[in-house]
C-alpha atoms as a PDB file:
ATOM      1  CA  MET A   1     -43.936  10.924 -40.677  1.00  0.00           C
ATOM      2  CA  SER A   2     -43.428   8.040 -38.248  1.00  0.00           C
ATOM      3  CA  THR A   3     -45.569   7.534 -35.173  1.00  0.00           C
ATOM      4  CA  PHE A   4     -43.895   6.321 -31.974  1.00  0.00           C
ATOM      5  CA  THR A   5     -45.831   4.868 -29.047  1.00  0.00           C
ATOM      6  CA  GLU A   6     -44.826   3.370 -25.718  1.00  0.00           C
ATOM      7  CA  THR A   7     -46.811   0.665 -23.936  1.00  0.00           C
ATOM      8  CA  LYS A   8     -46.317  -0.825 -20.478  1.00  0.00           C
ATOM      9  CA  THR A   9     -47.677  -4.257 -19.617  1.00  0.00           C
ATOM     10  CA  VAL A  10     -47.269  -6.569 -16.628  1.00  0.00           C
ATOM     11  CA  ASP A  11     -46.349  -9.754 -18.445  1.00  0.00           C
ATOM     12  CA  ASN A  12     -45.265 -12.022 -15.583  1.00  0.00           C
ATOM     13  CA  ILE A  13     -46.494 -12.448 -11.973  1.00  0.00           C
ATOM     14  CA  THR A  14     -45.122 -15.086  -9.600  1.00  0.00           C
ATOM     15  CA  VAL A  15     -45.931 -15.862  -5.960  1.00  0.00           C
ATOM     16  CA  THR A  16     -43.168 -17.604  -4.015  1.00  0.00           C
ATOM     17  CA  GLU A  17     -43.786 -20.161  -1.288  1.00  0.00           C
ATOM     18  CA  ASN A  18     -43.245 -17.569   1.460  1.00  0.00           C
ATOM     19  CA  GLY A  19     -45.740 -15.124  -0.095  1.00  0.00           C
ATOM     20  CA  ILE A  20     -43.395 -12.741  -1.889  1.00  0.00           C
ATOM     21  CA  VAL A  21     -44.967 -11.521  -5.130  1.00  0.00           C
ATOM     22  CA  LEU A  22     -42.624 -10.920  -8.062  1.00  0.00           C
ATOM     23  CA  TYR A  23     -43.753  -9.166 -11.202  1.00  0.00           C
ATOM     24  CA  ARG A  24     -42.195  -8.021 -14.448  1.00  0.00           C
ATOM     25  CA  GLU A  25     -43.345  -5.000 -16.380  1.00  0.00           C
ATOM     26  CA  ALA A  26     -42.453  -4.841 -20.076  1.00  0.00           C
ATOM     27  CA  THR A  27     -42.085  -1.465 -21.767  1.00  0.00           C
ATOM     28  CA  ARG A  28     -42.377  -1.659 -25.537  1.00  0.00           C
ATOM     29  CA  ILE A  29     -41.559   1.071 -28.027  1.00  0.00           C
ATOM     30  CA  LEU A  30     -43.506   0.866 -31.270  1.00  0.00           C
ATOM     31  CA  LYS A  31     -42.804   2.688 -34.515  1.00  0.00           C
ATOM     32  CA  ASP A  32     -45.796   2.754 -36.832  1.00  0.00           C
ATOM     33  CA  GLY A  33     -47.260  -0.192 -34.880  1.00  0.00           C
ATOM     34  CA  GLU A  34     -44.113  -2.326 -35.120  1.00  0.00           C
ATOM     35  CA  GLN A  35     -42.064  -3.080 -32.008  1.00  0.00           C
ATOM     36  CA  ILE A  36     -38.558  -1.626 -32.246  1.00  0.00           C
ATOM     37  CA  ALA A  37     -37.419  -1.886 -28.604  1.00  0.00           C
ATOM     38  CA  GLN A  38     -38.355  -3.559 -25.339  1.00  0.00           C
ATOM     39  CA  THR A  39     -37.122  -3.276 -21.763  1.00  0.00           C
ATOM     40  CA  TYR A  40     -38.100  -5.025 -18.528  1.00  0.00           C
ATOM     41  CA  HIS A  41     -38.425  -3.824 -14.959  1.00  0.00           C
ATOM     42  CA  ARG A  42     -38.771  -6.388 -12.168  1.00  0.00           C
ATOM     43  CA  THR A  43     -40.275  -5.678  -8.760  1.00  0.00           C
ATOM     44  CA  SER A  44     -40.778  -7.746  -5.609  1.00  0.00           C
ATOM     45  CA  LEU A  45     -43.432  -7.173  -2.951  1.00  0.00           C
ATOM     46  CA  THR A  46     -43.388  -8.648   0.542  1.00  0.00           C
ATOM     47  CA  PRO A  47     -46.547  -9.749   2.379  1.00  0.00           C
ATOM     48  CA  ALA A  48     -48.470  -6.797   3.885  1.00  0.00           C
ATOM     49  CA  GLN A  49     -46.393  -4.239   1.934  1.00  0.00           C
ATOM     50  CA  ASP A  50     -48.100  -0.997   0.887  1.00  0.00           C
ATOM     51  CA  LEU A  51     -49.481  -1.460  -2.629  1.00  0.00           C
ATOM     52  CA  THR A  52     -49.859   2.210  -3.537  1.00  0.00           C
ATOM     53  CA  GLY A  53     -48.927   2.697  -7.188  1.00  0.00           C
ATOM     54  CA  VAL A  54     -48.815  -1.028  -7.963  1.00  0.00           C
ATOM     55  CA  PRO A  55     -50.706  -2.141 -11.108  1.00  0.00           C
ATOM     56  CA  SER A  56     -54.246  -3.326 -10.325  1.00  0.00           C
ATOM     57  CA  ASN A  57     -53.755  -6.867 -11.657  1.00  0.00           C
ATOM     58  CA  VAL A  58     -50.751  -7.291  -9.327  1.00  0.00           C
ATOM     59  CA  VAL A  59     -52.755  -5.898  -6.393  1.00  0.00           C
ATOM     60  CA  ALA A  60     -55.464  -8.504  -7.059  1.00  0.00           C
ATOM     61  CA  ILE A  61     -52.881 -11.309  -6.888  1.00  0.00           C
ATOM     62  CA  CYS A  62     -51.382  -9.879  -3.687  1.00  0.00           C
ATOM     63  CA  ASN A  63     -54.805  -9.646  -2.048  1.00  0.00           C
ATOM     64  CA  ALA A  64     -55.519 -13.284  -2.940  1.00  0.00           C
ATOM     65  CA  ALA A  65     -52.110 -14.592  -1.869  1.00  0.00           C
ATOM     66  CA  TRP A  66     -51.590 -12.600   1.319  1.00  0.00           C
ATOM     67  CA  THR A  67     -53.889 -14.359   3.740  1.00  0.00           C
ATOM     68  CA  ASP A  68     -53.532 -13.659   7.466  1.00  0.00           C
ATOM     69  CA  ALA A  69     -51.628 -16.948   7.818  1.00  0.00           C
ATOM     70  CA  VAL A  70     -49.177 -16.061   5.017  1.00  0.00           C
ATOM     71  CA  ILE A  71     -48.526 -12.613   6.487  1.00  0.00           C
ATOM     72  CA  ALA A  72     -47.973 -14.034   9.987  1.00  0.00           C
ATOM     73  CA  ALA A  73     -45.606 -16.739   8.684  1.00  0.00           C
ATOM     74  CA  TYR A  74     -43.608 -14.206   6.678  1.00  0.00           C
ATOM     75  CA  GLN A  75     -43.321 -11.825   9.642  1.00  0.00           C
ATOM     76  CA  ALA A  76     -42.200 -14.714  11.882  1.00  0.00           C
ATOM     77  CA  GLN A  77     -39.568 -15.708   9.309  1.00  0.00           C
ATOM     78  CA  VAL A  78     -38.227 -12.135   9.128  1.00  0.00           C
ATOM     79  CA  ALA A  79     -38.137 -11.846  12.937  1.00  0.00           C
ATOM     80  CA  ALA A  80     -36.243 -15.145  13.226  1.00  0.00           C
ATOM     81  CA  GLN A  81     -33.694 -14.007  10.632  1.00  0.00           C
ATOM     82  CA  GLN A  82     -33.208 -10.684  12.400  1.00  0.00           C
ATOM     83  CA  GLN A  83     -32.526 -12.477  15.705  1.00  0.00           C
ATOM     84  CA  GLN A  84     -30.128 -14.876  14.020  1.00  0.00           C
ATOM     85  CA  TYR A  85     -28.031 -12.078  12.533  1.00  0.00           C
ATOM     86  CA  ALA A  86     -28.262  -9.606  15.438  1.00  0.00           C
END
């Protein structure tokens, strides 16, 4: 009888110049230890966003990248864009 397992791994984390954190989570399906399928799910996080439910290694990167200066600059950029398009 075959054994199927599913694993999820964050395999890519990127921080953009304006502080947005992008990460990719790979889901792999294994049959008897051999990979038979793989899918990806990508997520983006903006500075100061709630990190509830985010993988711990991504949270660590966010906490390092999101300094007070980065958060303030991002919020100023968003406010300027909102005024421009209002």
